[in-house]
PDB file of N, CA and C in Angstrom:
ATOM      1  N   MET A   1     164.160 248.584 -28.655  1.00  0.00           N
ATOM      2  CA  MET A   1     163.985 249.877 -28.012  1.00  0.00           C
ATOM      3  C   MET A   1     165.344 250.348 -27.513  1.00  0.00           C
ATOM      4  N   ARG A   2     165.625 251.598 -27.778  1.00  0.00           N
ATOM      5  CA  ARG A   2     166.854 252.234 -27.306  1.00  0.00           C
ATOM      6  C   ARG A   2     166.464 253.423 -26.442  1.00  0.00           C
ATOM      7  N   VAL A   3     167.069 253.519 -25.267  1.00  0.00           N
ATOM      8  CA  VAL A   3     166.786 254.617 -24.349  1.00  0.00           C
ATOM      9  C   VAL A   3     167.996 255.545 -24.334  1.00  0.00           C
ATOM     10  N   VAL A   4     167.728 256.837 -24.477  1.00  0.00           N
ATOM     11  CA  VAL A   4     168.779 257.840 -24.425  1.00  0.00           C
ATOM     12  C   VAL A   4     168.399 258.868 -23.372  1.00  0.00           C
ATOM     13  N   VAL A   5     169.338 259.159 -22.488  1.00  0.00           N
ATOM     14  CA  VAL A   5     169.108 260.187 -21.476  1.00  0.00           C
ATOM     15  C   VAL A   5     170.093 261.319 -21.732  1.00  0.00           C
ATOM     16  N   ASP A   6     169.583 262.516 -21.857  1.00  0.00           N
ATOM     17  CA  ASP A   6     170.435 263.701 -21.989  1.00  0.00           C
ATOM     18  C   ASP A   6     170.953 264.021 -20.587  1.00  0.00           C
ATOM     19  N   LEU A   7     172.147 263.556 -20.306  1.00  0.00           N
ATOM     20  CA  LEU A   7     172.705 263.706 -18.958  1.00  0.00           C
ATOM     21  C   LEU A   7     173.040 265.155 -18.625  1.00  0.00           C
ATOM     22  N   ALA A   8     173.163 266.002 -19.633  1.00  0.00           N
ATOM     23  CA  ALA A   8     173.387 267.428 -19.384  1.00  0.00           C
ATOM     24  C   ALA A   8     172.094 268.093 -18.896  1.00  0.00           C
ATOM     25  N   THR A   9     170.957 267.526 -19.291  1.00  0.00           N
ATOM     26  CA  THR A   9     169.657 268.055 -18.878  1.00  0.00           C
ATOM     27  C   THR A   9     169.164 267.405 -17.590  1.00  0.00           C
ATOM     28  N   CYS A  10     169.469 266.125 -17.422  1.00  0.00           N
ATOM     29  CA  CYS A  10     169.011 265.358 -16.256  1.00  0.00           C
ATOM     30  C   CYS A  10     169.453 266.038 -14.962  1.00  0.00           C
ATOM     31  N   GLN A  11     168.524 266.118 -14.020  1.00  0.00           N
ATOM     32  CA  GLN A  11     168.823 266.724 -12.720  1.00  0.00           C
ATOM     33  C   GLN A  11     168.758 265.698 -11.589  1.00  0.00           C
ATOM     34  N   ASP A  12     168.776 264.410 -11.947  1.00  0.00           N
ATOM     35  CA  ASP A  12     168.819 263.306 -10.981  1.00  0.00           C
ATOM     36  C   ASP A  12     167.677 263.337  -9.973  1.00  0.00           C
ATOM     37  N   HIS A  13     166.486 263.693 -10.428  1.00  0.00           N
ATOM     38  CA  HIS A  13     165.318 263.684  -9.546  1.00  0.00           C
ATOM     39  C   HIS A  13     164.950 262.264  -9.122  1.00  0.00           C
ATOM     40  N   GLY A  14     165.198 261.283  -9.998  1.00  0.00           N
ATOM     41  CA  GLY A  14     164.955 259.887  -9.674  1.00  0.00           C
ATOM     42  C   GLY A  14     163.564 259.382  -9.970  1.00  0.00           C
ATOM     43  N   GLN A  15     162.719 260.189 -10.581  1.00  0.00           N
ATOM     44  CA  GLN A  15     161.364 259.734 -10.907  1.00  0.00           C
ATOM     45  C   GLN A  15     161.406 258.554 -11.877  1.00  0.00           C
ATOM     46  N   CYS A  16     162.379 258.539 -12.766  1.00  0.00           N
ATOM     47  CA  CYS A  16     162.515 257.431 -13.717  1.00  0.00           C
ATOM     48  C   CYS A  16     162.841 256.129 -12.992  1.00  0.00           C
ATOM     49  N   ALA A  17     163.691 256.215 -11.966  1.00  0.00           N
ATOM     50  CA  ALA A  17     164.078 255.028 -11.210  1.00  0.00           C
ATOM     51  C   ALA A  17     162.891 254.458 -10.438  1.00  0.00           C
ATOM     52  N   ILE A  18     161.962 255.302 -10.060  1.00  0.00           N
ATOM     53  CA  ILE A  18     160.751 254.842  -9.381  1.00  0.00           C
ATOM     54  C   ILE A  18     159.812 254.183 -10.400  1.00  0.00           C
ATOM     55  N   ALA A  19     159.676 254.796 -11.571  1.00  0.00           N
ATOM     56  CA  ALA A  19     158.756 254.295 -12.596  1.00  0.00           C
ATOM     57  C   ALA A  19     159.273 253.034 -13.288  1.00  0.00           C
ATOM     58  N   ALA A  20     160.578 252.944 -13.486  1.00  0.00           N
ATOM     59  CA  ALA A  20     161.156 251.816 -14.233  1.00  0.00           C
ATOM     60  C   ALA A  20     162.495 251.395 -13.633  1.00  0.00           C
ATOM     61  N   PRO A  21     162.467 250.780 -12.454  1.00  0.00           N
ATOM     62  CA  PRO A  21     163.725 250.403 -11.798  1.00  0.00           C
ATOM     63  C   PRO A  21     164.524 249.358 -12.564  1.00  0.00           C
ATOM     64  N   GLU A  22     163.875 248.673 -13.512  1.00  0.00           N
ATOM     65  CA  GLU A  22     164.599 247.706 -14.324  1.00  0.00           C
ATOM     66  C   GLU A  22     165.499 248.385 -15.351  1.00  0.00           C
ATOM     67  N   ALA A  23     165.307 249.681 -15.583  1.00  0.00           N
ATOM     68  CA  ALA A  23     166.114 250.402 -16.576  1.00  0.00           C
ATOM     69  C   ALA A  23     166.892 251.582 -16.005  1.00  0.00           C
ATOM     70  N   PHE A  24     166.429 252.141 -14.882  1.00  0.00           N
ATOM     71  CA  PHE A  24     167.057 253.339 -14.321  1.00  0.00           C
ATOM     72  C   PHE A  24     167.350 253.135 -12.840  1.00  0.00           C
ATOM     73  N   ARG A  25     168.444 253.735 -12.379  1.00  0.00           N
ATOM     74  CA  ARG A  25     168.730 253.731 -10.946  1.00  0.00           C
ATOM     75  C   ARG A  25     169.593 254.925 -10.595  1.00  0.00           C
ATOM     76  N   ILE A  26     169.478 255.348  -9.362  1.00  0.00           N
ATOM     77  CA  ILE A  26     170.333 256.404  -8.836  1.00  0.00           C
ATOM     78  C   ILE A  26     171.442 255.709  -8.056  1.00  0.00           C
ATOM     79  N   ASN A  27     172.693 255.974  -8.429  1.00  0.00           N
ATOM     80  CA  ASN A  27     173.804 255.286  -7.776  1.00  0.00           C
ATOM     81  C   ASN A  27     174.120 255.911  -6.414  1.00  0.00           C
ATOM     82  N   ASP A  28     175.093 255.349  -5.729  1.00  0.00           N
ATOM     83  CA  ASP A  28     175.448 255.815  -4.389  1.00  0.00           C
ATOM     84  C   ASP A  28     175.930 257.258  -4.363  1.00  0.00           C
ATOM     85  N   ALA A  29     176.408 257.753  -5.496  1.00  0.00           N
ATOM     86  CA  ALA A  29     176.866 259.145  -5.586  1.00  0.00           C
ATOM     87  C   ALA A  29     175.703 260.092  -5.912  1.00  0.00           C
ATOM     88  N   GLY A  30     174.496 259.531  -6.115  1.00  0.00           N
ATOM     89  CA  GLY A  30     173.335 260.361  -6.409  1.00  0.00           C
ATOM     90  C   GLY A  30     173.147 260.680  -7.877  1.00  0.00           C
ATOM     91  N   ALA A  31     173.870 259.970  -8.742  1.00  0.00           N
ATOM     92  CA  ALA A  31     173.784 260.215 -10.182  1.00  0.00           C
ATOM     93  C   ALA A  31     172.998 259.093 -10.866  1.00  0.00           C
ATOM     94  N   LEU A  32     172.352 259.433 -11.949  1.00  0.00           N
ATOM     95  CA  LEU A  32     171.562 258.474 -12.701  1.00  0.00           C
ATOM     96  C   LEU A  32     172.458 257.504 -13.463  1.00  0.00           C
ATOM     97  N   GLU A  33     172.088 256.231 -13.417  1.00  0.00           N
ATOM     98  CA  GLU A  33     172.653 255.199 -14.275  1.00  0.00           C
ATOM     99  C   GLU A  33     171.478 254.562 -14.986  1.00  0.00           C
ATOM    100  N   TYR A  34     171.677 254.133 -16.232  1.00  0.00           N
ATOM    101  CA  TYR A  34     170.555 253.539 -16.958  1.00  0.00           C
ATOM    102  C   TYR A  34     171.013 252.514 -17.967  1.00  0.00           C
ATOM    103  N   ASP A  35     170.100 251.628 -18.304  1.00  0.00           N
ATOM    104  CA  ASP A  35     170.303 250.598 -19.315  1.00  0.00           C
ATOM    105  C   ASP A  35     169.791 251.172 -20.627  1.00  0.00           C
ATOM    106  N   GLY A  36     170.670 251.365 -21.585  1.00  0.00           N
ATOM    107  CA  GLY A  36     170.287 251.949 -22.856  1.00  0.00           C
ATOM    108  C   GLY A  36     169.502 251.022 -23.763  1.00  0.00           C
ATOM    109  N   SER A  37     169.467 249.728 -23.411  1.00  0.00           N
ATOM    110  CA  SER A  37     168.742 248.747 -24.227  1.00  0.00           C
ATOM    111  C   SER A  37     167.929 247.803 -23.346  1.00  0.00           C
ATOM    112  N   PRO A  38     166.970 248.325 -22.600  1.00  0.00           N
ATOM    113  CA  PRO A  38     166.160 247.431 -21.769  1.00  0.00           C
ATOM    114  C   PRO A  38     165.291 246.539 -22.647  1.00  0.00           C
ATOM    115  N   GLY A  39     164.920 245.399 -22.135  1.00  0.00           N
ATOM    116  CA  GLY A  39     164.084 244.483 -22.896  1.00  0.00           C
ATOM    117  C   GLY A  39     162.733 245.085 -23.246  1.00  0.00           C
ATOM    118  N   GLU A  40     162.184 244.627 -24.333  1.00  0.00           N
ATOM    119  CA  GLU A  40     160.888 245.119 -24.811  1.00  0.00           C
ATOM    120  C   GLU A  40     159.791 244.917 -23.764  1.00  0.00           C
ATOM    121  N   GLU A  41     159.954 243.922 -22.907  1.00  0.00           N
ATOM    122  CA  GLU A  41     158.954 243.668 -21.869  1.00  0.00           C
ATOM    123  C   GLU A  41     158.877 244.802 -20.847  1.00  0.00           C
ATOM    124  N   HIS A  42     159.859 245.692 -20.872  1.00  0.00           N
ATOM    125  CA  HIS A  42     159.880 246.831 -19.952  1.00  0.00           C
ATOM    126  C   HIS A  42     159.379 248.126 -20.583  1.00  0.00           C
ATOM    127  N   ARG A  43     158.926 248.060 -21.826  1.00  0.00           N
ATOM    128  CA  ARG A  43     158.549 249.264 -22.575  1.00  0.00           C
ATOM    129  C   ARG A  43     157.539 250.139 -21.824  1.00  0.00           C
ATOM    130  N   GLU A  44     156.498 249.547 -21.291  1.00  0.00           N
ATOM    131  CA  GLU A  44     155.464 250.342 -20.630  1.00  0.00           C
ATOM    132  C   GLU A  44     156.050 251.165 -19.478  1.00  0.00           C
ATOM    133  N   HIS A  45     156.900 250.550 -18.672  1.00  0.00           N
ATOM    134  CA  HIS A  45     157.503 251.265 -17.546  1.00  0.00           C
ATOM    135  C   HIS A  45     158.500 252.321 -18.021  1.00  0.00           C
ATOM    136  N   VAL A  46     159.266 251.997 -19.051  1.00  0.00           N
ATOM    137  CA  VAL A  46     160.246 252.959 -19.577  1.00  0.00           C
ATOM    138  C   VAL A  46     159.525 254.159 -20.180  1.00  0.00           C
ATOM    139  N   GLU A  47     158.430 253.929 -20.896  1.00  0.00           N
ATOM    140  CA  GLU A  47     157.656 255.048 -21.444  1.00  0.00           C
ATOM    141  C   GLU A  47     157.088 255.910 -20.328  1.00  0.00           C
ATOM    142  N   GLU A  48     156.638 255.273 -19.248  1.00  0.00           N
ATOM    143  CA  GLU A  48     156.140 256.036 -18.106  1.00  0.00           C
ATOM    144  C   GLU A  48     157.270 256.866 -17.495  1.00  0.00           C
ATOM    145  N   ALA A  49     158.458 256.279 -17.401  1.00  0.00           N
ATOM    146  CA  ALA A  49     159.607 257.001 -16.858  1.00  0.00           C
ATOM    147  C   ALA A  49     159.906 258.247 -17.686  1.00  0.00           C
ATOM    148  N   ALA A  50     159.848 258.111 -19.000  1.00  0.00           N
ATOM    149  CA  ALA A  50     160.072 259.262 -19.873  1.00  0.00           C
ATOM    150  C   ALA A  50     159.003 260.327 -19.648  1.00  0.00           C
ATOM    151  N   ASP A  51     157.776 259.890 -19.464  1.00  0.00           N
ATOM    152  CA  ASP A  51     156.670 260.830 -19.259  1.00  0.00           C
ATOM    153  C   ASP A  51     156.780 261.591 -17.939  1.00  0.00           C
ATOM    154  N   VAL A  52     157.249 260.917 -16.890  1.00  0.00           N
ATOM    155  CA  VAL A  52     157.290 261.566 -15.569  1.00  0.00           C
ATOM    156  C   VAL A  52     158.566 262.359 -15.313  1.00  0.00           C
ATOM    157  N   CYS A  53     159.525 262.284 -16.214  1.00  0.00           N
ATOM    158  CA  CYS A  53     160.771 263.032 -16.032  1.00  0.00           C
ATOM    159  C   CYS A  53     160.460 264.535 -15.993  1.00  0.00           C
ATOM    160  N   PRO A  54     160.775 265.208 -14.885  1.00  0.00           N
ATOM    161  CA  PRO A  54     160.436 266.632 -14.758  1.00  0.00           C
ATOM    162  C   PRO A  54     161.097 267.524 -15.800  1.00  0.00           C
ATOM    163  N   VAL A  55     162.239 267.102 -16.335  1.00  0.00           N
ATOM    164  CA  VAL A  55     162.947 267.939 -17.310  1.00  0.00           C
ATOM    165  C   VAL A  55     162.938 267.325 -18.710  1.00  0.00           C
ATOM    166  N   GLN A  56     162.163 266.233 -18.875  1.00  0.00           N
ATOM    167  CA  GLN A  56     162.011 265.566 -20.175  1.00  0.00           C
ATOM    168  C   GLN A  56     163.363 265.222 -20.811  1.00  0.00           C
ATOM    169  N   ALA A  57     164.237 264.612 -20.014  1.00  0.00           N
ATOM    170  CA  ALA A  57     165.589 264.266 -20.467  1.00  0.00           C
ATOM    171  C   ALA A  57     165.668 262.891 -21.121  1.00  0.00           C
ATOM    172  N   ILE A  58     164.582 262.113 -21.093  1.00  0.00           N
ATOM    173  CA  ILE A  58     164.606 260.733 -21.580  1.00  0.00           C
ATOM    174  C   ILE A  58     163.920 260.649 -22.934  1.00  0.00           C
ATOM    175  N   THR A  59     164.609 260.001 -23.884  1.00  0.00           N
ATOM    176  CA  THR A  59     164.078 259.774 -25.212  1.00  0.00           C
ATOM    177  C   THR A  59     164.080 258.273 -25.482  1.00  0.00           C
ATOM    178  N   ILE A  60     163.019 257.792 -26.099  1.00  0.00           N
ATOM    179  CA  ILE A  60     162.930 256.382 -26.477  1.00  0.00           C
ATOM    180  C   ILE A  60     162.942 256.309 -27.988  1.00  0.00           C
ATOM    181  N   GLU A  61     163.853 255.494 -28.519  1.00  0.00           N
ATOM    182  CA  GLU A  61     163.961 255.306 -29.959  1.00  0.00           C
ATOM    183  C   GLU A  61     163.670 253.860 -30.275  1.00  0.00           C
ATOM    184  N   ASP A  62     162.987 253.637 -31.388  1.00  0.00           N
ATOM    185  CA  ASP A  62     162.696 252.251 -31.812  1.00  0.00           C
ATOM    186  C   ASP A  62     163.654 251.800 -32.872  1.00  0.00           C
TER     187      ASP A  62
END
């Protein structure tokens, strides 16, 4: 699984970090950081993170 975030679209709402903290986090500056290759065991949470993103900036590729 490969995770891609369109950082130009992302507005750092942080919903992804709540849904899948193993793959997404908001850093001290308030910007999103993410793991582009989280383990397959995190797929369910990463898919939920993509679904809850208010601006649909997260794409999951297999």
